[in-house]
Amino acid sequence: MRDEMQTFRIKGKKLKNWKTFHSEFKKEMNFPDYYGENMNAWIDCVDELTDKPTLLEIENGKYLKENAPELLNAILECGAFVNYRKIEVGEKPNLIIAADC
Protein backbone atom coordinates (compact mmCIF):
# COMPACT_ATOMS: atom_id res chain seq x y z
CA MET A 1 0.00 0.00 0.00
CA ARG A 2 1.29 3.42 -0.95
CA ASP A 3 1.76 6.00 1.80
CA GLU A 4 -0.48 9.02 1.60
CA MET A 5 1.43 12.22 0.93
CA GLN A 6 1.00 15.24 3.15
CA THR A 7 1.27 18.64 1.46
CA PHE A 8 2.28 22.02 2.83
CA ARG A 9 1.99 25.19 0.74
CA ILE A 10 4.18 28.18 1.48
CA LYS A 11 3.39 31.48 -0.20
CA GLY A 12 6.71 32.80 -1.49
CA LYS A 13 5.45 36.39 -1.58
CA LYS A 14 4.97 36.31 2.19
CA LEU A 15 8.66 35.50 2.77
CA LYS A 16 10.28 38.93 2.88
CA ASN A 17 13.05 38.36 5.43
CA TRP A 18 14.15 35.83 8.03
CA LYS A 19 11.47 36.93 10.51
CA THR A 20 8.62 36.40 8.04
CA PHE A 21 10.30 33.21 6.77
CA HIS A 22 10.23 31.60 10.20
CA SER A 23 6.78 32.87 11.18
CA GLU A 24 5.24 31.67 7.91
CA PHE A 25 6.79 28.20 8.14
CA LYS A 26 5.80 27.91 11.80
CA LYS A 27 2.21 28.78 10.94
CA GLU A 28 1.83 26.75 7.73
CA MET A 29 3.68 23.64 8.89
CA ASN A 30 2.38 23.74 12.46
CA PHE A 31 5.81 23.89 14.08
CA PRO A 32 5.69 23.63 17.88
CA ASP A 33 5.60 26.70 20.11
CA TYR A 34 9.21 26.09 21.15
CA TYR A 35 10.42 26.39 17.51
CA GLY A 36 13.73 28.26 17.74
CA GLU A 37 13.33 30.33 14.54
CA ASN A 38 16.70 29.39 13.06
CA MET A 39 17.66 26.97 10.31
CA ASN A 40 18.82 24.22 12.68
CA ALA A 41 15.40 24.29 14.33
CA TRP A 42 13.76 24.39 10.86
CA ILE A 43 15.66 21.25 9.86
CA ASP A 44 14.66 19.47 13.07
CA CYS A 45 10.97 20.38 12.71
CA VAL A 46 10.81 19.44 9.02
CA ASP A 47 12.64 16.19 9.79
CA GLU A 48 10.01 15.30 12.39
CA LEU A 49 7.20 16.01 9.93
CA THR A 50 8.64 13.87 7.16
CA ASP A 51 8.17 10.42 8.62
CA LYS A 52 5.75 9.96 5.72
CA PRO A 53 6.02 11.37 2.18
CA THR A 54 5.80 15.15 2.32
CA LEU A 55 5.41 17.71 -0.45
CA LEU A 56 6.59 21.22 0.34
CA GLU A 57 5.13 23.43 -2.37
CA ILE A 58 6.59 26.92 -2.66
CA GLU A 59 4.09 29.16 -4.42
CA ASN A 60 5.52 32.20 -6.22
CA GLY A 61 8.98 30.65 -6.22
CA LYS A 62 10.10 32.95 -9.03
CA TYR A 63 9.17 35.98 -6.93
CA LEU A 64 11.13 34.54 -4.02
CA LYS A 65 14.11 33.76 -6.25
CA GLU A 66 14.18 37.36 -7.52
CA ASN A 67 13.49 39.15 -4.23
CA ALA A 68 14.94 36.97 -1.48
CA PRO A 69 17.16 34.32 -3.09
CA GLU A 70 18.88 33.55 0.23
CA LEU A 71 15.53 32.35 1.62
CA LEU A 72 14.86 30.10 -1.37
CA ASN A 73 18.40 28.72 -1.17
CA ALA A 74 17.91 27.99 2.53
CA ILE A 75 14.73 25.99 1.78
CA LEU A 76 16.45 23.97 -0.95
CA GLU A 77 19.73 23.36 0.89
CA CYS A 78 18.17 22.58 4.26
CA GLY A 79 15.47 20.45 2.64
CA ALA A 80 18.20 18.42 0.94
CA PHE A 81 19.90 18.05 4.32
CA VAL A 82 16.66 16.73 5.87
CA ASN A 83 16.65 13.98 3.24
CA TYR A 84 20.38 13.32 3.71
CA ARG A 85 19.93 12.84 7.47
CA LYS A 86 17.26 10.22 6.80
CA ILE A 87 19.53 8.37 4.37
CA GLU A 88 22.38 8.44 6.90
CA VAL A 89 20.29 6.49 9.41
CA GLY A 90 18.91 4.05 6.85
CA GLU A 91 15.50 5.67 6.40
CA LYS A 92 13.76 6.70 3.18
CA PRO A 93 14.09 10.36 2.20
CA ASN A 94 10.53 11.67 2.18
CA LEU A 95 10.75 15.41 1.47
CA ILE A 96 9.84 16.66 -2.00
CA ILE A 97 10.19 20.38 -2.69
CA ALA A 98 8.41 21.94 -5.65
CA ALA A 99 8.66 25.56 -6.73
CA ASP A 100 7.75 27.55 -9.83
CA CYS A 101 11.17 29.12 -10.25
PDB file of N, CA and C in Angstrom:
ATOM      1  N   MET A   1       0.843  -1.188   0.000  1.00  0.00           N
ATOM      2  CA  MET A   1       0.000   0.000   0.000  1.00  0.00           C
ATOM      3  C   MET A   1       0.878   1.238   0.000  1.00  0.00           C
ATOM      4  N   ARG A   2       0.519   2.190  -0.820  1.00  0.00           N
ATOM      5  CA  ARG A   2       1.291   3.420  -0.950  1.00  0.00           C
ATOM      6  C   ARG A   2       0.949   4.401   0.170  1.00  0.00           C
ATOM      7  N   ASP A   3       1.997   5.010   0.743  1.00  0.00           N
ATOM      8  CA  ASP A   3       1.764   5.997   1.801  1.00  0.00           C
ATOM      9  C   ASP A   3       1.077   7.230   1.228  1.00  0.00           C
ATOM     10  N   GLU A   4       0.169   7.787   2.004  1.00  0.00           N
ATOM     11  CA  GLU A   4      -0.481   9.019   1.599  1.00  0.00           C
ATOM     12  C   GLU A   4       0.482  10.179   1.809  1.00  0.00           C
ATOM     13  N   MET A   5       0.515  11.088   0.848  1.00  0.00           N
ATOM     14  CA  MET A   5       1.432  12.221   0.926  1.00  0.00           C
ATOM     15  C   MET A   5       0.756  13.403   1.613  1.00  0.00           C
ATOM     16  N   GLN A   6       1.484  14.007   2.539  1.00  0.00           N
ATOM     17  CA  GLN A   6       0.997  15.242   3.146  1.00  0.00           C
ATOM     18  C   GLN A   6       1.597  16.411   2.365  1.00  0.00           C
ATOM     19  N   THR A   7       0.839  17.489   2.241  1.00  0.00           N
ATOM     20  CA  THR A   7       1.272  18.640   1.460  1.00  0.00           C
ATOM     21  C   THR A   7       1.193  19.902   2.294  1.00  0.00           C
ATOM     22  N   PHE A   8       2.250  20.704   2.201  1.00  0.00           N
ATOM     23  CA  PHE A   8       2.283  22.023   2.832  1.00  0.00           C
ATOM     24  C   PHE A   8       2.558  23.049   1.737  1.00  0.00           C
ATOM     25  N   ARG A   9       1.797  24.130   1.728  1.00  0.00           N
ATOM     26  CA  ARG A   9       1.990  25.193   0.741  1.00  0.00           C
ATOM     27  C   ARG A   9       2.480  26.452   1.440  1.00  0.00           C
ATOM     28  N   ILE A  10       3.591  26.946   0.940  1.00  0.00           N
ATOM     29  CA  ILE A  10       4.178  28.177   1.476  1.00  0.00           C
ATOM     30  C   ILE A  10       4.079  29.246   0.397  1.00  0.00           C
ATOM     31  N   LYS A  11       3.534  30.379   0.752  1.00  0.00           N
ATOM     32  CA  LYS A  11       3.390  31.485  -0.199  1.00  0.00           C
ATOM     33  C   LYS A  11       4.691  32.286  -0.241  1.00  0.00           C
ATOM     34  N   GLY A  12       5.414  32.144  -1.347  1.00  0.00           N
ATOM     35  CA  GLY A  12       6.713  32.800  -1.490  1.00  0.00           C
ATOM     36  C   GLY A  12       6.657  34.302  -1.304  1.00  0.00           C
ATOM     37  N   LYS A  13       5.557  34.931  -1.701  1.00  0.00           N
ATOM     38  CA  LYS A  13       5.454  36.391  -1.583  1.00  0.00           C
ATOM     39  C   LYS A  13       5.358  36.854  -0.130  1.00  0.00           C
ATOM     40  N   LYS A  14       5.039  35.947   0.772  1.00  0.00           N
ATOM     41  CA  LYS A  14       4.972  36.309   2.189  1.00  0.00           C
ATOM     42  C   LYS A  14       6.342  36.235   2.874  1.00  0.00           C
ATOM     43  N   LEU A  15       7.323  35.640   2.185  1.00  0.00           N
ATOM     44  CA  LEU A  15       8.658  35.497   2.768  1.00  0.00           C
ATOM     45  C   LEU A  15       9.506  36.694   2.345  1.00  0.00           C
ATOM     46  N   LYS A  16       9.570  37.683   3.192  1.00  0.00           N
ATOM     47  CA  LYS A  16      10.280  38.935   2.883  1.00  0.00           C
ATOM     48  C   LYS A  16      11.669  38.979   3.510  1.00  0.00           C
ATOM     49  N   ASN A  17      11.806  38.340   4.665  1.00  0.00           N
ATOM     50  CA  ASN A  17      13.054  38.364   5.426  1.00  0.00           C
ATOM     51  C   ASN A  17      13.043  37.137   6.352  1.00  0.00           C
ATOM     52  N   TRP A  18      14.068  37.011   7.173  1.00  0.00           N
ATOM     53  CA  TRP A  18      14.150  35.826   8.035  1.00  0.00           C
ATOM     54  C   TRP A  18      13.014  35.764   9.049  1.00  0.00           C
ATOM     55  N   LYS A  19      12.572  36.907   9.538  1.00  0.00           N
ATOM     56  CA  LYS A  19      11.474  36.929  10.515  1.00  0.00           C
ATOM     57  C   LYS A  19      10.194  36.385   9.891  1.00  0.00           C
ATOM     58  N   THR A  20       9.843  36.878   8.691  1.00  0.00           N
ATOM     59  CA  THR A  20       8.623  36.395   8.040  1.00  0.00           C
ATOM     60  C   THR A  20       8.791  34.952   7.566  1.00  0.00           C
ATOM     61  N   PHE A  21      10.004  34.583   7.169  1.00  0.00           N
ATOM     62  CA  PHE A  21      10.299  33.208   6.774  1.00  0.00           C
ATOM     63  C   PHE A  21       9.914  32.247   7.900  1.00  0.00           C
ATOM     64  N   HIS A  22      10.468  32.509   9.078  1.00  0.00           N
ATOM     65  CA  HIS A  22      10.235  31.595  10.201  1.00  0.00           C
ATOM     66  C   HIS A  22       8.788  31.638  10.690  1.00  0.00           C
ATOM     67  N   SER A  23       8.171  32.805  10.712  1.00  0.00           N
ATOM     68  CA  SER A  23       6.782  32.874  11.182  1.00  0.00           C
ATOM     69  C   SER A  23       5.838  32.181  10.199  1.00  0.00           C
ATOM     70  N   GLU A  24       6.095  32.303   8.906  1.00  0.00           N
ATOM     71  CA  GLU A  24       5.238  31.665   7.906  1.00  0.00           C
ATOM     72  C   GLU A  24       5.372  30.138   7.943  1.00  0.00           C
ATOM     73  N   PHE A  25       6.602  29.645   8.047  1.00  0.00           N
ATOM     74  CA  PHE A  25       6.790  28.198   8.142  1.00  0.00           C
ATOM     75  C   PHE A  25       6.178  27.654   9.430  1.00  0.00           C
ATOM     76  N   LYS A  26       6.367  28.369  10.522  1.00  0.00           N
ATOM     77  CA  LYS A  26       5.803  27.914  11.798  1.00  0.00           C
ATOM     78  C   LYS A  26       4.286  27.783  11.687  1.00  0.00           C
ATOM     79  N   LYS A  27       3.664  28.783  11.080  1.00  0.00           N
ATOM     80  CA  LYS A  27       2.208  28.782  10.943  1.00  0.00           C
ATOM     81  C   LYS A  27       1.746  27.698   9.969  1.00  0.00           C
ATOM     82  N   GLU A  28       2.306  27.653   8.782  1.00  0.00           N
ATOM     83  CA  GLU A  28       1.826  26.753   7.733  1.00  0.00           C
ATOM     84  C   GLU A  28       2.166  25.283   7.984  1.00  0.00           C
ATOM     85  N   MET A  29       3.280  25.025   8.652  1.00  0.00           N
ATOM     86  CA  MET A  29       3.682  23.639   8.887  1.00  0.00           C
ATOM     87  C   MET A  29       3.423  23.199  10.328  1.00  0.00           C
ATOM     88  N   ASN A  30       2.761  24.062  11.081  1.00  0.00           N
ATOM     89  CA  ASN A  30       2.382  23.741  12.463  1.00  0.00           C
ATOM     90  C   ASN A  30       3.575  23.349  13.328  1.00  0.00           C
ATOM     91  N   PHE A  31       4.647  24.127  13.217  1.00  0.00           N
ATOM     92  CA  PHE A  31       5.806  23.888  14.076  1.00  0.00           C
ATOM     93  C   PHE A  31       5.407  24.139  15.525  1.00  0.00           C
ATOM     94  N   PRO A  32       6.049  23.474  16.460  1.00  0.00           N
ATOM     95  CA  PRO A  32       5.688  23.630  17.881  1.00  0.00           C
ATOM     96  C   PRO A  32       6.017  25.036  18.403  1.00  0.00           C
ATOM     97  N   ASP A  33       5.398  25.380  19.507  1.00  0.00           N
ATOM     98  CA  ASP A  33       5.604  26.703  20.111  1.00  0.00           C
ATOM     99  C   ASP A  33       7.066  26.965  20.459  1.00  0.00           C
ATOM    100  N   TYR A  34       7.810  25.918  20.770  1.00  0.00           N
ATOM    101  CA  TYR A  34       9.214  26.091  21.152  1.00  0.00           C
ATOM    102  C   TYR A  34      10.157  26.200  19.944  1.00  0.00           C
ATOM    103  N   TYR A  35       9.610  26.256  18.724  1.00  0.00           N
ATOM    104  CA  TYR A  35      10.422  26.387  17.514  1.00  0.00           C
ATOM    105  C   TYR A  35      11.395  27.558  17.674  1.00  0.00           C
ATOM    106  N   GLY A  36      12.678  27.292  17.464  1.00  0.00           N
ATOM    107  CA  GLY A  36      13.727  28.260  17.736  1.00  0.00           C
ATOM    108  C   GLY A  36      13.959  29.344  16.697  1.00  0.00           C
ATOM    109  N   GLU A  37      13.212  29.318  15.593  1.00  0.00           N
ATOM    110  CA  GLU A  37      13.326  30.325  14.537  1.00  0.00           C
ATOM    111  C   GLU A  37      14.754  30.507  14.040  1.00  0.00           C
ATOM    112  N   ASN A  38      15.402  29.384  13.742  1.00  0.00           N
ATOM    113  CA  ASN A  38      16.698  29.385  13.060  1.00  0.00           C
ATOM    114  C   ASN A  38      16.709  28.148  12.169  1.00  0.00           C
ATOM    115  N   MET A  39      17.688  28.043  11.292  1.00  0.00           N
ATOM    116  CA  MET A  39      17.656  26.965  10.314  1.00  0.00           C
ATOM    117  C   MET A  39      17.924  25.584  10.924  1.00  0.00           C
ATOM    118  N   ASN A  40      18.659  25.517  12.008  1.00  0.00           N
ATOM    119  CA  ASN A  40      18.825  24.224  12.681  1.00  0.00           C
ATOM    120  C   ASN A  40      17.485  23.732  13.229  1.00  0.00           C
ATOM    121  N   ALA A  41      16.727  24.650  13.810  1.00  0.00           N
ATOM    122  CA  ALA A  41      15.400  24.287  14.326  1.00  0.00           C
ATOM    123  C   ALA A  41      14.457  23.949  13.171  1.00  0.00           C
ATOM    124  N   TRP A  42      14.571  24.672  12.051  1.00  0.00           N
ATOM    125  CA  TRP A  42      13.757  24.390  10.858  1.00  0.00           C
ATOM    126  C   TRP A  42      14.014  22.951  10.386  1.00  0.00           C
ATOM    127  N   ILE A  43      15.291  22.595  10.283  1.00  0.00           N
ATOM    128  CA  ILE A  43      15.663  21.246   9.859  1.00  0.00           C
ATOM    129  C   ILE A  43      15.062  20.210  10.805  1.00  0.00           C
ATOM    130  N   ASP A  44      15.190  20.425  12.097  1.00  0.00           N
ATOM    131  CA  ASP A  44      14.656  19.470  13.073  1.00  0.00           C
ATOM    132  C   ASP A  44      13.141  19.322  12.947  1.00  0.00           C
ATOM    133  N   CYS A  45      12.431  20.441  12.809  1.00  0.00           N
ATOM    134  CA  CYS A  45      10.968  20.383  12.710  1.00  0.00           C
ATOM    135  C   CYS A  45      10.522  19.711  11.412  1.00  0.00           C
ATOM    136  N   VAL A  46      11.160  20.060  10.302  1.00  0.00           N
ATOM    137  CA  VAL A  46      10.807  19.439   9.025  1.00  0.00           C
ATOM    138  C   VAL A  46      11.137  17.947   9.070  1.00  0.00           C
ATOM    139  N   ASP A  47      12.261  17.599   9.662  1.00  0.00           N
ATOM    140  CA  ASP A  47      12.643  16.191   9.791  1.00  0.00           C
ATOM    141  C   ASP A  47      11.564  15.406  10.543  1.00  0.00           C
ATOM    142  N   GLU A  48      11.054  15.969  11.618  1.00  0.00           N
ATOM    143  CA  GLU A  48      10.011  15.297  12.391  1.00  0.00           C
ATOM    144  C   GLU A  48       8.724  15.123  11.591  1.00  0.00           C
ATOM    145  N   LEU A  49       8.429  16.072  10.715  1.00  0.00           N
ATOM    146  CA  LEU A  49       7.200  16.015   9.929  1.00  0.00           C
ATOM    147  C   LEU A  49       7.276  15.066   8.743  1.00  0.00           C
ATOM    148  N   THR A  50       8.487  14.650   8.385  1.00  0.00           N
ATOM    149  CA  THR A  50       8.645  13.872   7.156  1.00  0.00           C
ATOM    150  C   THR A  50       8.839  12.383   7.414  1.00  0.00           C
ATOM    151  N   ASP A  51       8.165  11.871   8.417  1.00  0.00           N
ATOM    152  CA  ASP A  51       8.174  10.421   8.619  1.00  0.00           C
ATOM    153  C   ASP A  51       7.370   9.731   7.523  1.00  0.00           C
ATOM    154  N   LYS A  52       6.469  10.476   6.893  1.00  0.00           N
ATOM    155  CA  LYS A  52       5.749   9.960   5.721  1.00  0.00           C
ATOM    156  C   LYS A  52       6.011  10.928   4.567  1.00  0.00           C
ATOM    157  N   PRO A  53       5.747  10.506   3.327  1.00  0.00           N
ATOM    158  CA  PRO A  53       6.019  11.372   2.182  1.00  0.00           C
ATOM    159  C   PRO A  53       5.390  12.754   2.341  1.00  0.00           C
ATOM    160  N   THR A  54       6.200  13.771   2.089  1.00  0.00           N
ATOM    161  CA  THR A  54       5.797  15.154   2.318  1.00  0.00           C
ATOM    162  C   THR A  54       6.162  16.008   1.119  1.00  0.00           C
ATOM    163  N   LEU A  55       5.182  16.750   0.616  1.00  0.00           N
ATOM    164  CA  LEU A  55       5.414  17.708  -0.453  1.00  0.00           C
ATOM    165  C   LEU A  55       5.415  19.104   0.147  1.00  0.00           C
ATOM    166  N   LEU A  56       6.489  19.826  -0.070  1.00  0.00           N
ATOM    167  CA  LEU A  56       6.592  21.224   0.337  1.00  0.00           C
ATOM    168  C   LEU A  56       6.512  22.045  -0.943  1.00  0.00           C
ATOM    169  N   GLU A  57       5.369  22.655  -1.158  1.00  0.00           N
ATOM    170  CA  GLU A  57       5.129  23.429  -2.373  1.00  0.00           C
ATOM    171  C   GLU A  57       5.353  24.911  -2.087  1.00  0.00           C
ATOM    172  N   ILE A  58       6.292  25.497  -2.816  1.00  0.00           N
ATOM    173  CA  ILE A  58       6.591  26.922  -2.661  1.00  0.00           C
ATOM    174  C   ILE A  58       5.882  27.667  -3.784  1.00  0.00           C
ATOM    175  N   GLU A  59       4.809  28.362  -3.433  1.00  0.00           N
ATOM    176  CA  GLU A  59       4.093  29.164  -4.424  1.00  0.00           C
ATOM    177  C   GLU A  59       4.864  30.467  -4.654  1.00  0.00           C
ATOM    178  N   ASN A  60       4.806  30.973  -5.850  1.00  0.00           N
ATOM    179  CA  ASN A  60       5.521  32.199  -6.217  1.00  0.00           C
ATOM    180  C   ASN A  60       7.022  32.061  -5.999  1.00  0.00           C
ATOM    181  N   GLY A  61       7.551  30.903  -6.360  1.00  0.00           N
ATOM    182  CA  GLY A  61       8.980  30.652  -6.216  1.00  0.00           C
ATOM    183  C   GLY A  61       9.833  31.618  -7.025  1.00  0.00           C
ATOM    184  N   LYS A  62       9.349  32.004  -8.202  1.00  0.00           N
ATOM    185  CA  LYS A  62      10.096  32.947  -9.035  1.00  0.00           C
ATOM    186  C   LYS A  62      10.225  34.302  -8.328  1.00  0.00           C
ATOM    187  N   TYR A  63       9.144  34.741  -7.706  1.00  0.00           N
ATOM    188  CA  TYR A  63       9.171  35.982  -6.927  1.00  0.00           C
ATOM    189  C   TYR A  63      10.211  35.877  -5.814  1.00  0.00           C
ATOM    190  N   LEU A  64      10.198  34.750  -5.120  1.00  0.00           N
ATOM    191  CA  LEU A  64      11.133  34.540  -4.019  1.00  0.00           C
ATOM    192  C   LEU A  64      12.567  34.516  -4.540  1.00  0.00           C
ATOM    193  N   LYS A  65      12.781  33.850  -5.657  1.00  0.00           N
ATOM    194  CA  LYS A  65      14.111  33.762  -6.255  1.00  0.00           C
ATOM    195  C   LYS A  65      14.650  35.146  -6.625  1.00  0.00           C
ATOM    196  N   GLU A  66      13.768  36.015  -7.096  1.00  0.00           N
ATOM    197  CA  GLU A  66      14.180  37.362  -7.523  1.00  0.00           C
ATOM    198  C   GLU A  66      14.327  38.334  -6.361  1.00  0.00           C
ATOM    199  N   ASN A  67      13.527  38.158  -5.310  1.00  0.00           N
ATOM    200  CA  ASN A  67      13.488  39.154  -4.234  1.00  0.00           C
ATOM    201  C   ASN A  67      14.164  38.734  -2.935  1.00  0.00           C
ATOM    202  N   ALA A  68      14.284  37.450  -2.701  1.00  0.00           N
ATOM    203  CA  ALA A  68      14.938  36.973  -1.480  1.00  0.00           C
ATOM    204  C   ALA A  68      15.592  35.617  -1.772  1.00  0.00           C
ATOM    205  N   PRO A  69      16.570  35.601  -2.680  1.00  0.00           N
ATOM    206  CA  PRO A  69      17.163  34.318  -3.086  1.00  0.00           C
ATOM    207  C   PRO A  69      17.797  33.548  -1.936  1.00  0.00           C
ATOM    208  N   GLU A  70      18.273  34.249  -0.911  1.00  0.00           N
ATOM    209  CA  GLU A  70      18.878  33.554   0.226  1.00  0.00           C
ATOM    210  C   GLU A  70      17.851  32.704   0.968  1.00  0.00           C
ATOM    211  N   LEU A  71      16.581  33.123   0.960  1.00  0.00           N
ATOM    212  CA  LEU A  71      15.534  32.349   1.617  1.00  0.00           C
ATOM    213  C   LEU A  71      15.199  31.100   0.805  1.00  0.00           C
ATOM    214  N   LEU A  72      15.110  31.252  -0.514  1.00  0.00           N
ATOM    215  CA  LEU A  72      14.860  30.097  -1.369  1.00  0.00           C
ATOM    216  C   LEU A  72      16.011  29.096  -1.275  1.00  0.00           C
ATOM    217  N   ASN A  73      17.233  29.602  -1.307  1.00  0.00           N
ATOM    218  CA  ASN A  73      18.400  28.720  -1.175  1.00  0.00           C
ATOM    219  C   ASN A  73      18.381  27.963   0.148  1.00  0.00           C
ATOM    220  N   ALA A  74      17.971  28.636   1.216  1.00  0.00           N
ATOM    221  CA  ALA A  74      17.906  27.989   2.529  1.00  0.00           C
ATOM    222  C   ALA A  74      16.902  26.834   2.510  1.00  0.00           C
ATOM    223  N   ILE A  75      15.752  27.049   1.875  1.00  0.00           N
ATOM    224  CA  ILE A  75      14.735  25.992   1.783  1.00  0.00           C
ATOM    225  C   ILE A  75      15.304  24.792   1.034  1.00  0.00           C
ATOM    226  N   LEU A  76      15.936  25.059  -0.110  1.00  0.00           N
ATOM    227  CA  LEU A  76      16.453  23.971  -0.947  1.00  0.00           C
ATOM    228  C   LEU A  76      17.608  23.238  -0.276  1.00  0.00           C
ATOM    229  N   GLU A  77      18.560  23.988   0.271  1.00  0.00           N
ATOM    230  CA  GLU A  77      19.726  23.359   0.894  1.00  0.00           C
ATOM    231  C   GLU A  77      19.353  22.606   2.172  1.00  0.00           C
ATOM    232  N   CYS A  78      18.534  23.228   3.001  1.00  0.00           N
ATOM    233  CA  CYS A  78      18.168  22.576   4.260  1.00  0.00           C
ATOM    234  C   CYS A  78      17.193  21.434   4.023  1.00  0.00           C
ATOM    235  N   GLY A  79      16.349  21.558   3.004  1.00  0.00           N
ATOM    236  CA  GLY A  79      15.475  20.454   2.635  1.00  0.00           C
ATOM    237  C   GLY A  79      16.279  19.254   2.170  1.00  0.00           C
ATOM    238  N   ALA A  80      17.321  19.498   1.378  1.00  0.00           N
ATOM    239  CA  ALA A  80      18.204  18.415   0.938  1.00  0.00           C
ATOM    240  C   ALA A  80      18.881  17.769   2.144  1.00  0.00           C
ATOM    241  N   PHE A  81      19.249  18.579   3.124  1.00  0.00           N
ATOM    242  CA  PHE A  81      19.900  18.045   4.317  1.00  0.00           C
ATOM    243  C   PHE A  81      18.948  17.172   5.136  1.00  0.00           C
ATOM    244  N   VAL A  82      17.664  17.558   5.179  1.00  0.00           N
ATOM    245  CA  VAL A  82      16.664  16.731   5.870  1.00  0.00           C
ATOM    246  C   VAL A  82      16.653  15.332   5.246  1.00  0.00           C
ATOM    247  N   ASN A  83      16.637  15.286   3.919  1.00  0.00           N
ATOM    248  CA  ASN A  83      16.653  13.983   3.239  1.00  0.00           C
ATOM    249  C   ASN A  83      17.954  13.239   3.497  1.00  0.00           C
ATOM    250  N   TYR A  84      19.068  13.938   3.487  1.00  0.00           N
ATOM    251  CA  TYR A  84      20.379  13.324   3.711  1.00  0.00           C
ATOM    252  C   TYR A  84      20.455  12.686   5.097  1.00  0.00           C
ATOM    253  N   ARG A  85      19.929  13.391   6.099  1.00  0.00           N
ATOM    254  CA  ARG A  85      19.929  12.836   7.466  1.00  0.00           C
ATOM    255  C   ARG A  85      19.161  11.528   7.526  1.00  0.00           C
ATOM    256  N   LYS A  86      18.047  11.454   6.810  1.00  0.00           N
ATOM    257  CA  LYS A  86      17.263  10.219   6.804  1.00  0.00           C
ATOM    258  C   LYS A  86      18.071   9.093   6.166  1.00  0.00           C
ATOM    259  N   ILE A  87      18.725   9.378   5.054  1.00  0.00           N
ATOM    260  CA  ILE A  87      19.531   8.371   4.368  1.00  0.00           C
ATOM    261  C   ILE A  87      20.654   7.881   5.277  1.00  0.00           C
ATOM    262  N   GLU A  88      21.278   8.798   6.000  1.00  0.00           N
ATOM    263  CA  GLU A  88      22.381   8.438   6.898  1.00  0.00           C
ATOM    264  C   GLU A  88      21.988   7.401   7.942  1.00  0.00           C
ATOM    265  N   VAL A  89      20.731   7.427   8.380  1.00  0.00           N
ATOM    266  CA  VAL A  89      20.287   6.491   9.411  1.00  0.00           C
ATOM    267  C   VAL A  89      19.483   5.331   8.823  1.00  0.00           C
ATOM    268  N   GLY A  90      19.546   5.181   7.501  1.00  0.00           N
ATOM    269  CA  GLY A  90      18.909   4.046   6.848  1.00  0.00           C
ATOM    270  C   GLY A  90      17.421   4.202   6.592  1.00  0.00           C
ATOM    271  N   GLU A  91      16.916   5.430   6.677  1.00  0.00           N
ATOM    272  CA  GLU A  91      15.498   5.675   6.399  1.00  0.00           C
ATOM    273  C   GLU A  91      15.327   6.176   4.965  1.00  0.00           C
ATOM    274  N   LYS A  92      14.069   6.171   4.506  1.00  0.00           N
ATOM    275  CA  LYS A  92      13.760   6.705   3.181  1.00  0.00           C
ATOM    276  C   LYS A  92      13.683   8.224   3.243  1.00  0.00           C
ATOM    277  N   PRO A  93      14.297   8.917   2.268  1.00  0.00           N
ATOM    278  CA  PRO A  93      14.088  10.361   2.200  1.00  0.00           C
ATOM    279  C   PRO A  93      12.647  10.621   1.744  1.00  0.00           C
ATOM    280  N   ASN A  94      11.955  11.476   2.452  1.00  0.00           N
ATOM    281  CA  ASN A  94      10.526  11.675   2.185  1.00  0.00           C
ATOM    282  C   ASN A  94      10.145  13.098   1.790  1.00  0.00           C
ATOM    283  N   LEU A  95      11.086  14.013   1.730  1.00  0.00           N
ATOM    284  CA  LEU A  95      10.745  15.408   1.466  1.00  0.00           C
ATOM    285  C   LEU A  95      10.912  15.720  -0.012  1.00  0.00           C
ATOM    286  N   ILE A  96       9.825  16.189  -0.616  1.00  0.00           N
ATOM    287  CA  ILE A  96       9.836  16.659  -1.997  1.00  0.00           C
ATOM    288  C   ILE A  96       9.555  18.155  -1.954  1.00  0.00           C
ATOM    289  N   ILE A  97      10.390  18.933  -2.631  1.00  0.00           N
ATOM    290  CA  ILE A  97      10.190  20.382  -2.687  1.00  0.00           C
ATOM    291  C   ILE A  97       9.888  20.750  -4.128  1.00  0.00           C
ATOM    292  N   ALA A  98       8.798  21.481  -4.317  1.00  0.00           N
ATOM    293  CA  ALA A  98       8.414  21.940  -5.648  1.00  0.00           C
ATOM    294  C   ALA A  98       8.248  23.452  -5.607  1.00  0.00           C
ATOM    295  N   ALA A  99       8.770  24.112  -6.643  1.00  0.00           N
ATOM    296  CA  ALA A  99       8.661  25.563  -6.727  1.00  0.00           C
ATOM    297  C   ALA A  99       8.598  25.975  -8.189  1.00  0.00           C
ATOM    298  N   ASP A 100       7.866  27.032  -8.468  1.00  0.00           N
ATOM    299  CA  ASP A 100       7.749  27.546  -9.833  1.00  0.00           C
ATOM    300  C   ASP A 100       8.812  28.621 -10.063  1.00  0.00           C
ATOM    301  N   CYS A 101      10.048  28.192 -10.083  1.00  0.00           N
ATOM    302  CA  CYS A 101      11.173  29.123 -10.251  1.00  0.00           C
ATOM    303  C   CYS A 101      11.445  29.336 -11.718  1.00  0.00           C
TER     304      CYS A 101
END
